[in-house]
């Protein structure tokens, strides 16, 4: 396995079109040709990303992510002061087809999506809260949509942030922690990468 710190602004995997060929996966595969993506981070999100060495390990890790055997924690700055010190957002999400790549809350046809959060600090001058986010499910843009849906969009979010986009140079969302048992040795692993903001 490989665990890398993806910078904000870099695709996890190549996109469509010649201008979207550069990605974390293609860069890593230049040095490790058998490295395969197991999960993804949004282009705007930085932080820990796990790659498997070979197809057999990719299947094992993919199973662990699918069965929620991997603990993932993110750090973010969100607009405003969180009303509760901790809580959960349980809102179903679906692709907003006319406005792709946006996602939206849809109680009729959305897929169940659960995010737990914990407030860590409040910055009165910036009127923003530092929060730890735990995506129990792993839907596209889940953390971004859930925080916006409860009135606390992530600072710097060009898609869902509205006025909270502010003067931030980037999305203030970072994949800080991955915790799992190694699929071969069963040794518990906790990998941490502190955010650059």
C-alpha atoms as a PDB file:
ATOM      1  CA  UNK A   1       0.000   0.000   0.000  1.00  0.00           C
ATOM      2  CA  UNK A   2       0.929   3.621  -0.460  1.00  0.00           C
ATOM      3  CA  UNK A   3      -0.516   6.561   1.449  1.00  0.00           C
ATOM      4  CA  UNK A   4       0.083   9.986  -0.025  1.00  0.00           C
ATOM      5  CA  UNK A   5      -0.770  13.567   0.857  1.00  0.00           C
ATOM      6  CA  UNK A   6      -2.766  14.873  -2.114  1.00  0.00           C
ATOM      7  CA  UNK A   7      -2.443  18.621  -2.632  1.00  0.00           C
ATOM      8  CA  UNK A   8      -5.543  20.726  -3.206  1.00  0.00           C
ATOM      9  CA  UNK A   9      -6.172  21.440  -6.888  1.00  0.00           C
ATOM     10  CA  UNK A  10      -4.909  18.085  -8.173  1.00  0.00           C
ATOM     11  CA  UNK A  11      -7.301  15.442  -9.519  1.00  0.00           C
ATOM     12  CA  UNK A  12      -7.172  12.045  -7.769  1.00  0.00           C
ATOM     13  CA  UNK A  13      -7.583  10.230 -11.107  1.00  0.00           C
ATOM     14  CA  UNK A  14      -7.424  11.502 -14.695  1.00  0.00           C
ATOM     15  CA  UNK A  15     -10.528  13.254 -15.968  1.00  0.00           C
ATOM     16  CA  UNK A  16     -11.969  13.531 -19.467  1.00  0.00           C
ATOM     17  CA  UNK A  17     -10.041  15.694 -21.883  1.00  0.00           C
ATOM     18  CA  UNK A  18      -6.384  16.377 -22.535  1.00  0.00           C
ATOM     19  CA  UNK A  19      -6.321  19.150 -19.926  1.00  0.00           C
ATOM     20  CA  UNK A  20      -7.337  16.682 -17.177  1.00  0.00           C
ATOM     21  CA  UNK A  21      -4.721  13.958 -17.649  1.00  0.00           C
ATOM     22  CA  UNK A  22      -2.501  15.108 -14.796  1.00  0.00           C
ATOM     23  CA  UNK A  23      -3.572  13.440 -11.559  1.00  0.00           C
ATOM     24  CA  UNK A  24      -2.236  12.035  -8.332  1.00  0.00           C
ATOM     25  CA  UNK A  25      -2.729   8.487  -9.666  1.00  0.00           C
ATOM     26  CA  UNK A  26      -0.729   9.123 -12.844  1.00  0.00           C
ATOM     27  CA  UNK A  27       2.067  10.838 -10.917  1.00  0.00           C
ATOM     28  CA  UNK A  28       2.341   7.987  -8.408  1.00  0.00           C
ATOM     29  CA  UNK A  29       2.206   5.356 -11.178  1.00  0.00           C
ATOM     30  CA  UNK A  30       5.296   6.874 -12.772  1.00  0.00           C
ATOM     31  CA  UNK A  31       7.275   5.577  -9.787  1.00  0.00           C
ATOM     32  CA  UNK A  32       5.007   2.692  -8.722  1.00  0.00           C
ATOM     33  CA  UNK A  33       3.346   1.258 -11.879  1.00  0.00           C
ATOM     34  CA  UNK A  34       1.212  -1.209  -9.874  1.00  0.00           C
ATOM     35  CA  UNK A  35      -0.347   1.519  -7.677  1.00  0.00           C
ATOM     36  CA  UNK A  36      -4.143   1.593  -7.963  1.00  0.00           C
ATOM     37  CA  UNK A  37      -6.630   4.054  -6.502  1.00  0.00           C
ATOM     38  CA  UNK A  38      -8.847   2.680  -3.712  1.00  0.00           C
ATOM     39  CA  UNK A  39     -10.890   5.798  -2.861  1.00  0.00           C
ATOM     40  CA  UNK A  40     -10.978   9.406  -4.021  1.00  0.00           C
ATOM     41  CA  UNK A  41     -10.820  12.955  -2.776  1.00  0.00           C
ATOM     42  CA  UNK A  42     -12.380  15.932  -4.552  1.00  0.00           C
ATOM     43  CA  UNK A  43      -9.912  17.909  -6.630  1.00  0.00           C
ATOM     44  CA  UNK A  44     -10.242  20.843  -4.193  1.00  0.00           C
ATOM     45  CA  UNK A  45      -9.656  18.686  -1.089  1.00  0.00           C
ATOM     46  CA  UNK A  46      -6.178  17.955   0.230  1.00  0.00           C
ATOM     47  CA  UNK A  47      -4.976  15.145   2.446  1.00  0.00           C
ATOM     48  CA  UNK A  48      -4.484  11.424   2.853  1.00  0.00           C
ATOM     49  CA  UNK A  49      -5.248   9.146  -0.053  1.00  0.00           C
ATOM     50  CA  UNK A  50      -4.601   5.401  -0.035  1.00  0.00           C
ATOM     51  CA  UNK A  51      -3.411   3.481  -3.087  1.00  0.00           C
ATOM     52  CA  UNK A  52      -3.092  -0.293  -3.272  1.00  0.00           C
ATOM     53  CA  UNK A  53      -0.099  -2.089  -4.780  1.00  0.00           C
ATOM     54  CA  UNK A  54      -1.704  -4.449  -7.290  1.00  0.00           C
ATOM     55  CA  UNK A  55      -5.228  -5.634  -8.044  1.00  0.00           C
ATOM     56  CA  UNK A  56      -5.484  -8.161  -5.204  1.00  0.00           C
ATOM     57  CA  UNK A  57      -4.696  -5.510  -2.591  1.00  0.00           C
ATOM     58  CA  UNK A  58      -7.008  -3.053  -4.343  1.00  0.00           C
ATOM     59  CA  UNK A  59      -9.880  -5.554  -3.954  1.00  0.00           C
ATOM     60  CA  UNK A  60      -9.087  -6.033  -0.252  1.00  0.00           C
ATOM     61  CA  UNK A  61      -8.897  -2.317   0.482  1.00  0.00           C
ATOM     62  CA  UNK A  62     -11.992  -1.583  -1.612  1.00  0.00           C
ATOM     63  CA  UNK A  63     -13.903  -4.151   0.438  1.00  0.00           C
ATOM     64  CA  UNK A  64     -12.736  -2.463   3.666  1.00  0.00           C
ATOM     65  CA  UNK A  65     -13.901   0.961   2.466  1.00  0.00           C
ATOM     66  CA  UNK A  66     -17.217  -0.442   1.210  1.00  0.00           C
ATOM     67  CA  UNK A  67     -17.875  -2.240   4.517  1.00  0.00           C
ATOM     68  CA  UNK A  68     -16.888   0.876   6.500  1.00  0.00           C
ATOM     69  CA  UNK A  69     -13.892  -0.778   8.136  1.00  0.00           C
ATOM     70  CA  UNK A  70     -11.794   2.343   7.540  1.00  0.00           C
ATOM     71  CA  UNK A  71     -12.177   5.329   9.856  1.00  0.00           C
ATOM     72  CA  UNK A  72     -11.789   8.623   7.969  1.00  0.00           C
ATOM     73  CA  UNK A  73     -11.569  12.053   9.602  1.00  0.00           C
ATOM     74  CA  UNK A  74     -11.361  15.440   7.944  1.00  0.00           C
ATOM     75  CA  UNK A  75     -10.646  18.919   9.257  1.00  0.00           C
ATOM     76  CA  UNK A  76     -12.412  21.954   7.877  1.00  0.00           C
ATOM     77  CA  UNK A  77     -13.214  25.575   8.533  1.00  0.00           C
ATOM     78  CA  UNK A  78     -16.923  26.260   8.114  1.00  0.00           C
ATOM     79  CA  UNK A  79     -18.807  29.550   8.048  1.00  0.00           C
ATOM     80  CA  UNK A  80     -20.344  30.769  11.286  1.00  0.00           C
ATOM     81  CA  UNK A  81     -20.455  29.382  14.783  1.00  0.00           C
ATOM     82  CA  UNK A  82     -21.759  25.832  15.103  1.00  0.00           C
ATOM     83  CA  UNK A  83     -24.804  25.736  17.372  1.00  0.00           C
ATOM     84  CA  UNK A  84     -23.927  22.296  18.769  1.00  0.00           C
ATOM     85  CA  UNK A  85     -20.501  21.106  19.900  1.00  0.00           C
ATOM     86  CA  UNK A  86     -21.146  17.780  18.142  1.00  0.00           C
ATOM     87  CA  UNK A  87     -23.832  16.234  16.021  1.00  0.00           C
ATOM     88  CA  UNK A  88     -24.725  14.404  12.847  1.00  0.00           C
ATOM     89  CA  UNK A  89     -26.166  15.326   9.462  1.00  0.00           C
ATOM     90  CA  UNK A  90     -28.331  12.544   8.022  1.00  0.00           C
ATOM     91  CA  UNK A  91     -29.580  13.842   4.660  1.00  0.00           C
ATOM     92  CA  UNK A  92     -29.920  11.771   1.462  1.00  0.00           C
ATOM     93  CA  UNK A  93     -27.913  12.949  -1.546  1.00  0.00           C
ATOM     94  CA  UNK A  94     -28.325  12.626  -5.300  1.00  0.00           C
ATOM     95  CA  UNK A  95     -26.587  14.090  -8.365  1.00  0.00           C
ATOM     96  CA  UNK A  96     -27.998  17.458  -9.424  1.00  0.00           C
ATOM     97  CA  UNK A  97     -28.019  16.402 -13.122  1.00  0.00           C
ATOM     98  CA  UNK A  98     -28.720  19.792 -14.724  1.00  0.00           C
ATOM     99  CA  UNK A  99     -25.914  21.307 -12.627  1.00  0.00           C
ATOM    100  CA  UNK A 100     -23.275  18.559 -12.670  1.00  0.00           C
ATOM    101  CA  UNK A 101     -20.922  18.019 -10.854  1.00  0.00           C
ATOM    102  CA  UNK A 102     -23.091  19.455  -8.070  1.00  0.00           C
ATOM    103  CA  UNK A 103     -24.938  17.135  -5.697  1.00  0.00           C
ATOM    104  CA  UNK A 104     -28.093  17.986  -3.752  1.00  0.00           C
ATOM    105  CA  UNK A 105     -30.241  16.829  -0.858  1.00  0.00           C
ATOM    106  CA  UNK A 106     -33.268  14.878  -2.105  1.00  0.00           C
ATOM    107  CA  UNK A 107     -35.429  13.045   0.443  1.00  0.00           C
ATOM    108  CA  UNK A 108     -37.427  11.274  -2.297  1.00  0.00           C
ATOM    109  CA  UNK A 109     -34.689   9.613  -4.357  1.00  0.00           C
ATOM    110  CA  UNK A 110     -31.398  10.462  -2.627  1.00  0.00           C
ATOM    111  CA  UNK A 111     -29.059   7.831  -1.202  1.00  0.00           C
ATOM    112  CA  UNK A 112     -28.686   7.769   2.564  1.00  0.00           C
ATOM    113  CA  UNK A 113     -25.721   9.888   3.609  1.00  0.00           C
ATOM    114  CA  UNK A 114     -24.422  10.385   7.141  1.00  0.00           C
ATOM    115  CA  UNK A 115     -21.796  12.805   8.404  1.00  0.00           C
ATOM    116  CA  UNK A 116     -20.772  13.219  12.053  1.00  0.00           C
ATOM    117  CA  UNK A 117     -19.160  16.461  13.157  1.00  0.00           C
ATOM    118  CA  UNK A 118     -17.405  17.895  16.197  1.00  0.00           C
ATOM    119  CA  UNK A 119     -16.575  21.557  16.702  1.00  0.00           C
ATOM    120  CA  UNK A 120     -12.962  22.119  17.729  1.00  0.00           C
ATOM    121  CA  UNK A 121     -12.663  25.912  17.837  1.00  0.00           C
ATOM    122  CA  UNK A 122     -14.375  29.149  16.897  1.00  0.00           C
ATOM    123  CA  UNK A 123     -12.627  32.146  15.305  1.00  0.00           C
ATOM    124  CA  UNK A 124     -14.744  35.196  16.125  1.00  0.00           C
ATOM    125  CA  UNK A 125     -12.740  37.518  13.866  1.00  0.00           C
ATOM    126  CA  UNK A 126     -13.323  35.301  10.813  1.00  0.00           C
ATOM    127  CA  UNK A 127     -16.733  34.102  12.105  1.00  0.00           C
ATOM    128  CA  UNK A 128     -15.820  30.509  11.297  1.00  0.00           C
ATOM    129  CA  UNK A 129     -15.641  27.212  13.155  1.00  0.00           C
ATOM    130  CA  UNK A 130     -12.926  24.589  12.929  1.00  0.00           C
ATOM    131  CA  UNK A 131     -14.613  21.195  12.788  1.00  0.00           C
ATOM    132  CA  UNK A 132     -13.687  17.554  12.579  1.00  0.00           C
ATOM    133  CA  UNK A 133     -15.858  15.709  10.066  1.00  0.00           C
ATOM    134  CA  UNK A 134     -16.449  11.979   9.873  1.00  0.00           C
ATOM    135  CA  UNK A 135     -18.102  10.754   6.670  1.00  0.00           C
ATOM    136  CA  UNK A 136     -19.828   7.534   7.726  1.00  0.00           C
ATOM    137  CA  UNK A 137     -20.977   7.085   4.139  1.00  0.00           C
ATOM    138  CA  UNK A 138     -18.842   8.198   1.218  1.00  0.00           C
ATOM    139  CA  UNK A 139     -21.006  10.066  -1.284  1.00  0.00           C
ATOM    140  CA  UNK A 140     -19.641  12.540  -3.809  1.00  0.00           C
ATOM    141  CA  UNK A 141     -19.236  16.001  -2.203  1.00  0.00           C
ATOM    142  CA  UNK A 142     -20.962  14.645   0.928  1.00  0.00           C
ATOM    143  CA  UNK A 143     -19.135  16.783   3.499  1.00  0.00           C
ATOM    144  CA  UNK A 144     -19.496  19.912   1.374  1.00  0.00           C
ATOM    145  CA  UNK A 145     -23.240  19.461   0.743  1.00  0.00           C
ATOM    146  CA  UNK A 146     -24.023  18.453   4.329  1.00  0.00           C
ATOM    147  CA  UNK A 147     -22.240  21.425   5.866  1.00  0.00           C
ATOM    148  CA  UNK A 148     -23.924  23.824   3.422  1.00  0.00           C
ATOM    149  CA  UNK A 149     -27.307  22.177   4.100  1.00  0.00           C
ATOM    150  CA  UNK A 150     -27.094  22.962   7.826  1.00  0.00           C
ATOM    151  CA  UNK A 151     -26.069  26.559   7.160  1.00  0.00           C
ATOM    152  CA  UNK A 152     -22.301  26.182   7.679  1.00  0.00           C
ATOM    153  CA  UNK A 153     -20.701  25.833   4.236  1.00  0.00           C
ATOM    154  CA  UNK A 154     -17.011  25.026   4.108  1.00  0.00           C
ATOM    155  CA  UNK A 155     -14.916  28.155   3.704  1.00  0.00           C
ATOM    156  CA  UNK A 156     -13.536  28.520   0.184  1.00  0.00           C
ATOM    157  CA  UNK A 157     -16.119  26.221  -1.407  1.00  0.00           C
ATOM    158  CA  UNK A 158     -16.744  27.504  -4.935  1.00  0.00           C
ATOM    159  CA  UNK A 159     -19.644  25.064  -5.539  1.00  0.00           C
ATOM    160  CA  UNK A 160     -21.624  25.171  -2.309  1.00  0.00           C
ATOM    161  CA  UNK A 161     -20.109  28.013  -0.304  1.00  0.00           C
ATOM    162  CA  UNK A 162     -22.058  31.035  -1.513  1.00  0.00           C
ATOM    163  CA  UNK A 163     -20.724  34.020   0.414  1.00  0.00           C
ATOM    164  CA  UNK A 164     -18.668  31.664   2.618  1.00  0.00           C
ATOM    165  CA  UNK A 165     -16.278  31.287  -0.284  1.00  0.00           C
ATOM    166  CA  UNK A 166     -14.754  34.474   1.072  1.00  0.00           C
ATOM    167  CA  UNK A 167     -11.140  35.327   0.477  1.00  0.00           C
ATOM    168  CA  UNK A 168      -9.859  31.779   1.034  1.00  0.00           C
ATOM    169  CA  UNK A 169      -7.418  30.731  -1.651  1.00  0.00           C
ATOM    170  CA  UNK A 170      -8.708  27.160  -1.547  1.00  0.00           C
ATOM    171  CA  UNK A 171     -11.346  24.865  -0.105  1.00  0.00           C
ATOM    172  CA  UNK A 172     -10.667  24.580   3.622  1.00  0.00           C
ATOM    173  CA  UNK A 173     -11.146  20.796   3.736  1.00  0.00           C
ATOM    174  CA  UNK A 174      -8.384  18.279   4.469  1.00  0.00           C
ATOM    175  CA  UNK A 175      -8.412  14.495   4.877  1.00  0.00           C
ATOM    176  CA  UNK A 176      -6.428  14.315   8.121  1.00  0.00           C
ATOM    177  CA  UNK A 177      -6.729  10.716   9.338  1.00  0.00           C
ATOM    178  CA  UNK A 178      -7.122   7.164   8.058  1.00  0.00           C
ATOM    179  CA  UNK A 179      -7.383   4.345  10.584  1.00  0.00           C
ATOM    180  CA  UNK A 180      -7.637   0.696   9.576  1.00  0.00           C
ATOM    181  CA  UNK A 181      -6.297  -2.792  10.165  1.00  0.00           C
ATOM    182  CA  UNK A 182      -3.796  -3.839   7.515  1.00  0.00           C
ATOM    183  CA  UNK A 183      -5.654  -6.360   5.318  1.00  0.00           C
ATOM    184  CA  UNK A 184      -2.793  -8.906   5.398  1.00  0.00           C
ATOM    185  CA  UNK A 185      -1.131  -8.561   8.810  1.00  0.00           C
ATOM    186  CA  UNK A 186      -4.169  -7.149  10.704  1.00  0.00           C
ATOM    187  CA  UNK A 187      -1.809  -4.663  12.361  1.00  0.00           C
ATOM    188  CA  UNK A 188      -3.801  -1.538  13.330  1.00  0.00           C
ATOM    189  CA  UNK A 189      -2.676   1.512  11.377  1.00  0.00           C
ATOM    190  CA  UNK A 190      -3.477   5.120  12.163  1.00  0.00           C
ATOM    191  CA  UNK A 191      -2.149   7.543   9.573  1.00  0.00           C
ATOM    192  CA  UNK A 192      -2.254  11.277  10.225  1.00  0.00           C
ATOM    193  CA  UNK A 193      -1.419  14.287   8.068  1.00  0.00           C
ATOM    194  CA  UNK A 194      -2.077  17.727   9.543  1.00  0.00           C
ATOM    195  CA  UNK A 195      -3.733  20.320   7.290  1.00  0.00           C
ATOM    196  CA  UNK A 196      -1.846  23.238   5.754  1.00  0.00           C
ATOM    197  CA  UNK A 197      -4.442  25.724   7.063  1.00  0.00           C
END
